[in-house]
Amino acid sequence: SIEEQNEAHAQVVVQRGNTPLPSSSVQIDITKTRGVDWETSFSFGPLPLREGQQYTFQFRAKANANRTAAIWGQQNATPWKECFETPDVMIGEKWREVEIAVVANRTCANAMICFGLGKTTGTVWIDQVRFRAGGRDVWRRDFEGGAVVVNATRQPCEVDLGDVFLKIKGTQVPEVNDGKKVEKVVVPGLDAIVLLRR
């Protein structure tokens, strides 16, 4: 969705065929601004965040001219407190893939991820937005029936799951796949674990 504050004005349309990938991109036309990034913002969500948890945020973007975008996470209701922020991201005239690691500074069940685009007028395209728990080397992917946590480092890593999951109860590696309820798991280096929702 698009947010316009004070005198700012922008329009959002779905642009098909404007990306090298077989998908559609969002086109944001900023036509009026006072030069304040947050006065024109494009956001998506809501997403659950847990204080202290690291997340990885990825997207593709381009613009009609070189510009910057502010990116932050915030609550989707009053008091609109910020959940994380990142340094400004440079967006150029060619498609660029951006990957940012962030840490949530508060727990929020309905966070919005915001692109602040109000510094200058112009057109910005955004595509392939992805947000997942874990850093670049330790990450988690959620599915309808459970989740997978992957540790690509060489060191064991404890991961806070933010909810209660069930370990698989199996005959292979029974000391790990013991069917227990867990809210945290320790994943060995260069390993992964599959968890089930209750």
C-alpha atoms as a PDB file:
ATOM      1  CA  SER A   1       0.000   0.000   0.000  1.00  0.00           C
ATOM      2  CA  ILE A   2       1.046   3.621  -0.445  1.00  0.00           C
ATOM      3  CA  GLU A   3       1.108   6.252   2.310  1.00  0.00           C
ATOM      4  CA  GLU A   4       1.140   9.961   1.474  1.00  0.00           C
ATOM      5  CA  GLN A   5       1.745  12.572   4.172  1.00  0.00           C
ATOM      6  CA  ASN A   6       1.288  16.350   4.006  1.00  0.00           C
ATOM      7  CA  GLU A   7       1.637  17.532   0.388  1.00  0.00           C
ATOM      8  CA  ALA A   8       3.173  14.360  -1.045  1.00  0.00           C
ATOM      9  CA  HIS A   9       1.447  12.505  -3.879  1.00  0.00           C
ATOM     10  CA  ALA A  10       2.157   9.163  -5.563  1.00  0.00           C
ATOM     11  CA  GLN A  11       0.415   6.440  -7.561  1.00  0.00           C
ATOM     12  CA  VAL A  12       0.973   2.687  -7.550  1.00  0.00           C
ATOM     13  CA  VAL A  13       0.290   0.323 -10.449  1.00  0.00           C
ATOM     14  CA  VAL A  14       1.203  -3.293 -11.199  1.00  0.00           C
ATOM     15  CA  GLN A  15       3.611  -3.314 -14.137  1.00  0.00           C
ATOM     16  CA  ARG A  16       3.778  -6.564 -16.099  1.00  0.00           C
ATOM     17  CA  GLY A  17       6.745  -7.472 -18.261  1.00  0.00           C
ATOM     18  CA  ASN A  18       9.048  -4.864 -16.712  1.00  0.00           C
ATOM     19  CA  THR A  19      11.311  -7.362 -14.979  1.00  0.00           C
ATOM     20  CA  PRO A  20      13.784  -9.954 -16.249  1.00  0.00           C
ATOM     21  CA  LEU A  21      12.000 -12.536 -14.100  1.00  0.00           C
ATOM     22  CA  PRO A  22       8.644 -14.133 -15.014  1.00  0.00           C
ATOM     23  CA  SER A  23       6.699 -11.924 -12.611  1.00  0.00           C
ATOM     24  CA  SER A  24       5.102  -8.518 -12.204  1.00  0.00           C
ATOM     25  CA  SER A  25       6.649  -5.520 -10.492  1.00  0.00           C
ATOM     26  CA  VAL A  26       5.082  -2.672  -8.539  1.00  0.00           C
ATOM     27  CA  GLN A  27       5.532   0.726 -10.156  1.00  0.00           C
ATOM     28  CA  ILE A  28       5.431   3.748  -7.837  1.00  0.00           C
ATOM     29  CA  ASP A  29       5.187   7.176  -9.475  1.00  0.00           C
ATOM     30  CA  ILE A  30       6.130   9.943  -7.024  1.00  0.00           C
ATOM     31  CA  THR A  31       4.745  13.155  -8.524  1.00  0.00           C
ATOM     32  CA  LYS A  32       4.890  15.599  -5.617  1.00  0.00           C
ATOM     33  CA  THR A  33       7.158  15.715  -2.561  1.00  0.00           C
ATOM     34  CA  ARG A  34       8.678  18.087  -0.025  1.00  0.00           C
ATOM     35  CA  GLY A  35      11.914  16.056   0.001  1.00  0.00           C
ATOM     36  CA  VAL A  36      11.088  14.012   3.135  1.00  0.00           C
ATOM     37  CA  ASP A  37      11.542  10.253   2.584  1.00  0.00           C
ATOM     38  CA  TRP A  38       8.815   9.000   4.981  1.00  0.00           C
ATOM     39  CA  GLU A  39       6.125  11.325   3.590  1.00  0.00           C
ATOM     40  CA  THR A  40       5.802   8.972   0.597  1.00  0.00           C
ATOM     41  CA  SER A  41       6.178   5.331   1.585  1.00  0.00           C
ATOM     42  CA  PHE A  42       5.268   2.004   0.014  1.00  0.00           C
ATOM     43  CA  SER A  43       4.688  -0.805   2.523  1.00  0.00           C
ATOM     44  CA  PHE A  44       3.766  -4.471   2.692  1.00  0.00           C
ATOM     45  CA  GLY A  45       2.735  -6.809   5.494  1.00  0.00           C
ATOM     46  CA  PRO A  46       1.655  -7.435   8.165  1.00  0.00           C
ATOM     47  CA  LEU A  47       4.527  -9.645   9.323  1.00  0.00           C
ATOM     48  CA  PRO A  48       5.267 -11.014  12.813  1.00  0.00           C
ATOM     49  CA  LEU A  49       8.585  -9.898  14.348  1.00  0.00           C
ATOM     50  CA  ARG A  50      10.239 -11.071  17.553  1.00  0.00           C
ATOM     51  CA  GLU A  51      12.570  -8.848  19.565  1.00  0.00           C
ATOM     52  CA  GLY A  52      16.232  -9.818  19.135  1.00  0.00           C
ATOM     53  CA  GLN A  53      15.543 -12.104  16.159  1.00  0.00           C
ATOM     54  CA  GLN A  54      17.611 -11.574  13.035  1.00  0.00           C
ATOM     55  CA  TYR A  55      15.814 -11.422   9.679  1.00  0.00           C
ATOM     56  CA  THR A  56      16.895 -11.219   6.059  1.00  0.00           C
ATOM     57  CA  PHE A  57      15.076  -8.819   3.735  1.00  0.00           C
ATOM     58  CA  GLN A  58      15.501  -9.199  -0.041  1.00  0.00           C
ATOM     59  CA  PHE A  59      14.030  -7.377  -3.021  1.00  0.00           C
ATOM     60  CA  ARG A  60      14.770  -6.228  -6.574  1.00  0.00           C
ATOM     61  CA  ALA A  61      14.426  -2.590  -7.559  1.00  0.00           C
ATOM     62  CA  LYS A  62      15.199   0.008 -10.206  1.00  0.00           C
ATOM     63  CA  ALA A  63      14.294   3.649 -10.875  1.00  0.00           C
ATOM     64  CA  ASN A  64      14.047   6.062 -13.784  1.00  0.00           C
ATOM     65  CA  ALA A  65      17.091   7.881 -12.329  1.00  0.00           C
ATOM     66  CA  ASN A  66      19.584   7.227  -9.539  1.00  0.00           C
ATOM     67  CA  ARG A  67      18.033   7.788  -6.104  1.00  0.00           C
ATOM     68  CA  THR A  68      17.986   6.444  -2.547  1.00  0.00           C
ATOM     69  CA  ALA A  69      15.274   4.707  -0.548  1.00  0.00           C
ATOM     70  CA  ALA A  70      14.912   4.599   3.215  1.00  0.00           C
ATOM     71  CA  ILE A  71      13.786   1.209   4.556  1.00  0.00           C
ATOM     72  CA  TRP A  72      12.355   0.462   7.989  1.00  0.00           C
ATOM     73  CA  GLY A  73       9.901  -1.754   9.837  1.00  0.00           C
ATOM     74  CA  GLN A  74       7.164  -0.350  12.056  1.00  0.00           C
ATOM     75  CA  GLN A  75       3.973  -1.258  13.854  1.00  0.00           C
ATOM     76  CA  ASN A  76       0.843  -1.211  11.690  1.00  0.00           C
ATOM     77  CA  ALA A  77      -1.230   0.574  14.346  1.00  0.00           C
ATOM     78  CA  THR A  78      -0.836   3.301  16.939  1.00  0.00           C
ATOM     79  CA  PRO A  79       1.673   4.131  18.423  1.00  0.00           C
ATOM     80  CA  TRP A  80       3.436   3.232  15.111  1.00  0.00           C
ATOM     81  CA  LYS A  81       6.729   2.409  16.838  1.00  0.00           C
ATOM     82  CA  GLU A  82       9.731   1.438  14.726  1.00  0.00           C
ATOM     83  CA  CYS A  83      10.771  -2.234  14.774  1.00  0.00           C
ATOM     84  CA  PHE A  84      14.020  -1.892  12.785  1.00  0.00           C
ATOM     85  CA  GLU A  85      15.758   0.453  10.389  1.00  0.00           C
ATOM     86  CA  THR A  86      18.497   0.141   7.780  1.00  0.00           C
ATOM     87  CA  PRO A  87      20.887   2.536   6.032  1.00  0.00           C
ATOM     88  CA  ASP A  88      19.492   4.146   2.884  1.00  0.00           C
ATOM     89  CA  VAL A  89      19.669   1.902  -0.199  1.00  0.00           C
ATOM     90  CA  MET A  90      20.860   3.166  -3.578  1.00  0.00           C
ATOM     91  CA  ILE A  91      18.510   2.387  -6.477  1.00  0.00           C
ATOM     92  CA  GLY A  92      19.771   2.854 -10.035  1.00  0.00           C
ATOM     93  CA  GLU A  93      18.421   2.670 -13.556  1.00  0.00           C
ATOM     94  CA  LYS A  94      19.093  -1.081 -13.884  1.00  0.00           C
ATOM     95  CA  TRP A  95      17.503  -3.866 -11.876  1.00  0.00           C
ATOM     96  CA  ARG A  96      19.448  -4.522  -8.688  1.00  0.00           C
ATOM     97  CA  GLU A  97      18.979  -7.282  -6.122  1.00  0.00           C
ATOM     98  CA  VAL A  98      19.297  -6.052  -2.545  1.00  0.00           C
ATOM     99  CA  GLU A  99      19.770  -8.235   0.544  1.00  0.00           C
ATOM    100  CA  ILE A 100      19.764  -6.693   4.024  1.00  0.00           C
ATOM    101  CA  ALA A 101      20.157  -8.330   7.450  1.00  0.00           C
ATOM    102  CA  VAL A 102      18.149  -6.677  10.239  1.00  0.00           C
ATOM    103  CA  VAL A 103      17.459  -7.363  13.931  1.00  0.00           C
ATOM    104  CA  ALA A 104      14.029  -6.578  15.374  1.00  0.00           C
ATOM    105  CA  ASN A 105      14.215  -4.187  18.334  1.00  0.00           C
ATOM    106  CA  ARG A 106      10.726  -5.112  19.577  1.00  0.00           C
ATOM    107  CA  THR A 107       8.172  -7.910  19.272  1.00  0.00           C
ATOM    108  CA  CYS A 108       5.333  -7.014  16.912  1.00  0.00           C
ATOM    109  CA  ALA A 109       2.565  -9.232  15.529  1.00  0.00           C
ATOM    110  CA  ASN A 110       1.634  -6.866  12.693  1.00  0.00           C
ATOM    111  CA  ALA A 111       4.770  -5.103  11.458  1.00  0.00           C
ATOM    112  CA  MET A 112       4.868  -3.339   8.105  1.00  0.00           C
ATOM    113  CA  ILE A 113       8.019  -3.129   5.969  1.00  0.00           C
ATOM    114  CA  CYS A 114       8.248   0.374   4.504  1.00  0.00           C
ATOM    115  CA  PHE A 115      10.146   1.882   1.566  1.00  0.00           C
ATOM    116  CA  GLY A 116      10.547   5.643   2.087  1.00  0.00           C
ATOM    117  CA  LEU A 117      10.567   7.194  -1.384  1.00  0.00           C
ATOM    118  CA  GLY A 118       9.740  10.829  -0.718  1.00  0.00           C
ATOM    119  CA  LYS A 119      13.166  12.441  -1.116  1.00  0.00           C
ATOM    120  CA  THR A 120      12.679  13.105  -4.835  1.00  0.00           C
ATOM    121  CA  THR A 121      10.004  12.773  -7.491  1.00  0.00           C
ATOM    122  CA  GLY A 122      10.329  10.039 -10.140  1.00  0.00           C
ATOM    123  CA  THR A 123       9.427   6.406 -10.732  1.00  0.00           C
ATOM    124  CA  VAL A 124      10.544   3.339  -8.770  1.00  0.00           C
ATOM    125  CA  TRP A 125       9.891  -0.319  -9.574  1.00  0.00           C
ATOM    126  CA  ILE A 126       9.999  -2.974  -6.819  1.00  0.00           C
ATOM    127  CA  ASP A 127       9.828  -6.725  -7.386  1.00  0.00           C
ATOM    128  CA  GLN A 128      10.427 -10.078  -5.666  1.00  0.00           C
ATOM    129  CA  VAL A 129      10.119  -8.840  -2.066  1.00  0.00           C
ATOM    130  CA  ARG A 130      11.054 -11.581   0.419  1.00  0.00           C
ATOM    131  CA  PHE A 131      11.375 -11.465   4.196  1.00  0.00           C
ATOM    132  CA  ARG A 132      12.470 -14.432   6.309  1.00  0.00           C
ATOM    133  CA  ALA A 133      13.734 -15.217   9.779  1.00  0.00           C
ATOM    134  CA  GLY A 134      17.473 -15.750  10.111  1.00  0.00           C
ATOM    135  CA  GLY A 135      20.589 -14.043   8.851  1.00  0.00           C
ATOM    136  CA  ARG A 136      22.336 -14.666   5.586  1.00  0.00           C
ATOM    137  CA  ASP A 137      23.950 -17.859   6.900  1.00  0.00           C
ATOM    138  CA  VAL A 138      21.278 -19.059   9.351  1.00  0.00           C
ATOM    139  CA  TRP A 139      17.762 -18.882   8.021  1.00  0.00           C
ATOM    140  CA  ARG A 140      14.283 -20.265   8.402  1.00  0.00           C
ATOM    141  CA  ARG A 141      11.512 -20.909   5.908  1.00  0.00           C
ATOM    142  CA  ASP A 142       7.922 -21.423   7.061  1.00  0.00           C
ATOM    143  CA  PHE A 143       5.402 -23.699   5.400  1.00  0.00           C
ATOM    144  CA  GLU A 144       1.745 -24.460   6.081  1.00  0.00           C
ATOM    145  CA  GLY A 145       2.609 -27.568   8.095  1.00  0.00           C
ATOM    146  CA  GLY A 146       5.861 -26.515   9.718  1.00  0.00           C
ATOM    147  CA  ALA A 147       9.237 -24.898   9.219  1.00  0.00           C
ATOM    148  CA  VAL A 148      12.809 -25.650   8.169  1.00  0.00           C
ATOM    149  CA  VAL A 149      15.822 -24.058   9.866  1.00  0.00           C
ATOM    150  CA  VAL A 150      19.151 -24.175   8.006  1.00  0.00           C
ATOM    151  CA  ASN A 151      22.556 -23.373   9.513  1.00  0.00           C
ATOM    152  CA  ALA A 152      25.115 -22.749   6.760  1.00  0.00           C
ATOM    153  CA  THR A 153      27.854 -21.783   9.221  1.00  0.00           C
ATOM    154  CA  ARG A 154      30.341 -24.210  10.735  1.00  0.00           C
ATOM    155  CA  GLN A 155      29.261 -23.450  14.304  1.00  0.00           C
ATOM    156  CA  PRO A 156      26.160 -24.641  16.203  1.00  0.00           C
ATOM    157  CA  CYS A 157      23.469 -21.970  16.386  1.00  0.00           C
ATOM    158  CA  GLU A 158      20.513 -21.567  18.759  1.00  0.00           C
ATOM    159  CA  VAL A 159      17.370 -20.291  17.030  1.00  0.00           C
ATOM    160  CA  ASP A 160      14.360 -18.846  18.856  1.00  0.00           C
ATOM    161  CA  LEU A 161      11.268 -20.090  16.976  1.00  0.00           C
ATOM    162  CA  GLY A 162       8.800 -17.580  18.406  1.00  0.00           C
ATOM    163  CA  ASP A 163       6.181 -20.325  18.859  1.00  0.00           C
ATOM    164  CA  VAL A 164       5.849 -23.970  19.890  1.00  0.00           C
ATOM    165  CA  PHE A 165       6.777 -26.536  17.224  1.00  0.00           C
ATOM    166  CA  LEU A 166       7.121 -30.314  17.231  1.00  0.00           C
ATOM    167  CA  LYS A 167      10.252 -32.168  16.269  1.00  0.00           C
ATOM    168  CA  ILE A 168       9.721 -35.062  13.883  1.00  0.00           C
ATOM    169  CA  LYS A 169       9.590 -38.412  15.691  1.00  0.00           C
ATOM    170  CA  GLY A 170      11.623 -40.772  13.541  1.00  0.00           C
ATOM    171  CA  THR A 171      14.027 -43.685  13.548  1.00  0.00           C
ATOM    172  CA  GLN A 172      16.894 -41.753  11.944  1.00  0.00           C
ATOM    173  CA  VAL A 173      18.955 -39.674  14.394  1.00  0.00           C
ATOM    174  CA  PRO A 174      16.463 -40.305  17.242  1.00  0.00           C
ATOM    175  CA  GLU A 175      18.423 -38.066  19.630  1.00  0.00           C
ATOM    176  CA  VAL A 176      17.362 -35.134  17.398  1.00  0.00           C
ATOM    177  CA  ASN A 177      14.088 -36.384  15.897  1.00  0.00           C
ATOM    178  CA  ASP A 178      12.504 -37.224  19.259  1.00  0.00           C
ATOM    179  CA  GLY A 179       9.023 -35.721  18.764  1.00  0.00           C
ATOM    180  CA  LYS A 180       9.423 -33.167  21.567  1.00  0.00           C
ATOM    181  CA  LYS A 181       7.754 -29.766  21.725  1.00  0.00           C
ATOM    182  CA  VAL A 182      10.288 -26.955  21.303  1.00  0.00           C
ATOM    183  CA  GLU A 183      10.369 -23.158  21.258  1.00  0.00           C
ATOM    184  CA  LYS A 184      14.117 -23.028  20.581  1.00  0.00           C
ATOM    185  CA  VAL A 185      16.410 -25.376  18.695  1.00  0.00           C
ATOM    186  CA  VAL A 186      20.172 -25.719  18.420  1.00  0.00           C
ATOM    187  CA  VAL A 187      21.117 -26.505  14.817  1.00  0.00           C
ATOM    188  CA  PRO A 188      24.618 -27.964  14.323  1.00  0.00           C
ATOM    189  CA  GLY A 189      26.945 -26.362  11.822  1.00  0.00           C
ATOM    190  CA  LEU A 190      26.283 -27.192   8.144  1.00  0.00           C
ATOM    191  CA  ASP A 191      22.998 -28.864   9.117  1.00  0.00           C
ATOM    192  CA  ALA A 192      19.256 -28.309   9.154  1.00  0.00           C
ATOM    193  CA  ILE A 193      16.162 -29.363  11.071  1.00  0.00           C
ATOM    194  CA  VAL A 194      12.556 -29.912   9.979  1.00  0.00           C
ATOM    195  CA  LEU A 195       9.839 -28.942  12.480  1.00  0.00           C
ATOM    196  CA  LEU A 196       6.072 -29.506  12.483  1.00  0.00           C
ATOM    197  CA  ARG A 197       3.337 -27.152  13.574  1.00  0.00           C
ATOM    198  CA  ARG A 198       1.205 -28.390  16.457  1.00  0.00           C
END
